Amino acid sequence: MSAKAKVSTNINIKNRKASYEFEFIDKYICGMVLLGTEIKSIRQGKASLQEGYCYFNKNELYLKGANIAQYDMGTSNNHDPVRERKLLLNKKELNKLLTKSTEKGLTIVPLRIFITSRGFAKLEIALSKGKKIHDKRNSIKDKDVKRDLSRMKY
């Protein structure tokens, strides 16, 4: 056995409300600029993307409103739970997102945070369009039908 601690790669924090509220057009995986106590808190599974959204500031993409809880063992140097976090994408992807997000009704929504096999925290984001009320009803109906079919199989 090695002396190093095992990295937990089964962290998968999802934004469940996003698929109900939005229709996804494109998905991207990006890195995040995090502080030490933030990554430790994510590894404990203490993060929430429910109120989070992405925006551009000086051609750079930022995540705002996502809540990464303070680290339990942190000192007075603990991070602010809802601070803005810079997202890391290629310049080509950033330019594509910037041009498409300026179109009417399109927004960038965080979908999930996960830990890679190398131990890095990644964020999956989606360029999305808001659903209307009838679209939401259709998605609920489809989910109910799938649930009923899965019950009938057994």
Protein backbone atom coordinates (compact mmCIF):
# COMPACT_ATOMS: atom_id res chain seq x y z
CA MET A 1 0.00 0.00 0.00
CA SER A 2 1.19 3.48 -0.76
CA ALA A 3 1.42 6.20 1.85
CA LYS A 4 -0.66 8.57 -0.27
CA ALA A 5 -4.34 8.99 0.53
CA LYS A 6 -6.75 7.65 -2.06
CA VAL A 7 -8.48 10.29 -4.13
CA SER A 8 -12.24 9.85 -4.19
CA THR A 9 -13.36 10.02 -7.82
CA ASN A 10 -17.00 9.20 -7.17
CA ILE A 11 -17.99 12.80 -6.45
CA ASN A 12 -20.77 13.86 -8.82
CA ILE A 13 -22.73 16.91 -7.65
CA LYS A 14 -25.62 17.63 -10.03
CA ASN A 15 -27.91 20.57 -10.69
CA ARG A 16 -31.18 18.64 -10.91
CA LYS A 17 -33.29 21.73 -11.51
CA ALA A 18 -31.39 22.61 -14.69
CA SER A 19 -32.85 19.85 -16.88
CA TYR A 20 -36.35 20.84 -15.77
CA GLU A 21 -35.89 24.58 -16.35
CA PHE A 22 -33.70 24.55 -19.48
CA GLU A 23 -33.25 22.81 -22.81
CA PHE A 24 -29.56 22.08 -23.44
CA ILE A 25 -28.02 23.04 -26.78
CA ASP A 26 -24.28 22.44 -26.22
CA LYS A 27 -22.34 20.95 -23.31
CA TYR A 28 -18.78 21.78 -22.27
CA ILE A 29 -16.43 20.55 -19.55
CA CYS A 30 -14.22 23.19 -17.99
CA GLY A 31 -11.80 23.55 -15.14
CA MET A 32 -12.28 25.89 -12.18
CA VAL A 33 -9.90 28.15 -10.29
CA LEU A 34 -10.38 26.97 -6.70
CA LEU A 35 -8.83 27.62 -3.32
CA GLY A 36 -7.44 24.77 -1.21
CA THR A 37 -10.37 24.67 1.20
CA GLU A 38 -12.85 24.67 -1.72
CA ILE A 39 -11.47 21.51 -3.31
CA LYS A 40 -11.44 19.79 0.08
CA SER A 41 -15.09 20.73 0.58
CA ILE A 42 -16.00 19.45 -2.91
CA ARG A 43 -14.30 16.14 -2.14
CA GLN A 44 -16.58 15.88 0.90
CA GLY A 45 -19.56 16.44 -1.44
CA LYS A 46 -20.59 19.76 0.12
CA ALA A 47 -21.46 21.88 -2.89
CA SER A 48 -24.66 23.07 -4.55
CA LEU A 49 -25.25 24.39 -8.07
CA GLN A 50 -28.98 25.15 -7.70
CA GLU A 51 -28.65 28.94 -7.78
CA GLY A 52 -25.53 29.04 -9.94
CA TYR A 53 -25.13 30.63 -13.34
CA CYS A 54 -22.27 31.62 -15.65
CA TYR A 55 -21.50 35.02 -17.11
CA PHE A 56 -18.78 36.74 -19.13
CA ASN A 57 -16.58 39.52 -17.76
CA LYS A 58 -13.82 40.88 -20.03
CA ASN A 59 -13.94 37.79 -22.30
CA GLU A 60 -13.51 35.44 -19.32
CA LEU A 61 -16.19 33.09 -18.03
CA TYR A 62 -17.15 33.11 -14.34
CA LEU A 63 -19.42 30.97 -12.18
CA LYS A 64 -21.59 32.93 -9.78
CA GLY A 65 -24.08 31.84 -7.14
CA ALA A 66 -22.81 28.29 -6.72
CA ASN A 67 -22.42 27.38 -3.08
CA ILE A 68 -19.35 25.44 -1.96
CA ALA A 69 -19.68 25.06 1.81
CA GLN A 70 -16.84 26.09 4.08
CA TYR A 71 -14.39 23.32 4.90
CA ASP A 72 -15.05 21.76 8.33
CA MET A 73 -11.41 21.67 9.36
CA GLY A 74 -10.66 25.12 7.89
CA THR A 75 -9.12 27.91 9.90
CA SER A 76 -9.89 31.61 9.81
CA ASN A 77 -8.52 31.53 6.23
CA ASN A 78 -11.58 29.59 5.03
CA HIS A 79 -13.14 30.65 1.70
CA ASP A 80 -16.37 32.59 1.03
CA PRO A 81 -19.01 29.94 0.12
CA VAL A 82 -20.64 31.90 -2.74
CA ARG A 83 -17.66 33.71 -4.24
CA GLU A 84 -17.24 34.05 -8.00
CA ARG A 85 -15.02 31.40 -9.56
CA LYS A 86 -13.19 31.70 -12.85
CA LEU A 87 -13.83 28.91 -15.36
CA LEU A 88 -11.07 27.60 -17.61
CA LEU A 89 -11.85 26.92 -21.28
CA ASN A 90 -9.94 27.20 -24.55
CA LYS A 91 -10.06 30.59 -26.23
CA LYS A 92 -11.90 29.02 -29.19
CA GLU A 93 -14.60 27.60 -26.89
CA LEU A 94 -14.87 30.89 -24.99
CA ASN A 95 -15.39 32.86 -28.21
CA LYS A 96 -18.03 30.38 -29.40
CA LEU A 97 -19.88 30.60 -26.08
CA LEU A 98 -19.63 34.38 -26.02
CA THR A 99 -21.16 34.81 -29.48
CA LYS A 100 -23.93 32.26 -28.86
CA SER A 101 -24.80 33.51 -25.36
CA THR A 102 -25.49 37.00 -26.71
CA GLU A 103 -28.35 35.56 -28.77
CA LYS A 104 -31.79 36.15 -27.34
CA GLY A 105 -32.89 33.69 -24.69
CA LEU A 106 -29.63 31.70 -24.40
CA THR A 107 -27.79 31.34 -21.11
CA ILE A 108 -24.95 29.28 -19.67
CA VAL A 109 -25.98 26.95 -16.84
CA PRO A 110 -23.77 24.76 -14.60
CA LEU A 111 -24.86 21.10 -14.71
CA ARG A 112 -22.52 19.15 -12.46
CA ILE A 113 -19.22 19.16 -10.60
CA PHE A 114 -17.11 16.01 -10.70
CA ILE A 115 -13.61 14.88 -9.79
CA THR A 116 -11.45 13.37 -12.55
CA SER A 117 -9.25 10.32 -12.11
CA ARG A 118 -6.26 12.68 -11.76
CA GLY A 119 -7.97 14.45 -8.85
CA PHE A 120 -9.00 17.67 -10.58
CA ALA A 121 -12.43 19.23 -10.04
CA LYS A 122 -14.26 19.87 -13.31
CA LEU A 123 -17.53 21.64 -14.04
CA GLU A 124 -19.90 20.61 -16.81
CA ILE A 125 -21.75 23.61 -18.25
CA ALA A 126 -24.37 23.87 -20.96
CA LEU A 127 -25.44 26.55 -23.36
CA SER A 128 -29.18 26.40 -22.86
CA LYS A 129 -32.52 27.94 -23.63
CA GLY A 130 -35.28 28.38 -21.05
CA LYS A 131 -38.30 26.09 -21.34
CA LYS A 132 -41.87 27.33 -21.53
CA ILE A 133 -44.57 26.00 -19.19
CA HIS A 134 -45.91 23.50 -21.73
CA ASP A 135 -42.38 22.17 -22.33
CA LYS A 136 -41.99 21.57 -18.58
CA ARG A 137 -45.28 19.68 -18.53
CA ASN A 138 -44.11 17.51 -21.43
CA SER A 139 -40.84 16.67 -19.66
CA ILE A 140 -42.76 15.67 -16.50
CA LYS A 141 -45.08 13.51 -18.60
CA ASP A 142 -42.14 11.80 -20.36
CA LYS A 143 -40.46 11.10 -17.02
CA ASP A 144 -43.67 9.55 -15.65
CA VAL A 145 -44.04 7.33 -18.73
CA LYS A 146 -40.44 6.10 -18.41
CA ARG A 147 -40.94 5.35 -14.72
CA ASP A 148 -44.14 3.40 -15.44
CA LEU A 149 -42.43 1.39 -18.20
CA SER A 150 -39.52 0.50 -15.94
CA ARG A 151 -41.97 -0.71 -13.27
CA MET A 152 -43.81 -2.87 -15.80
CA LYS A 153 -40.57 -4.67 -16.81
CA TYR A 154 -40.16 -6.13 -13.33
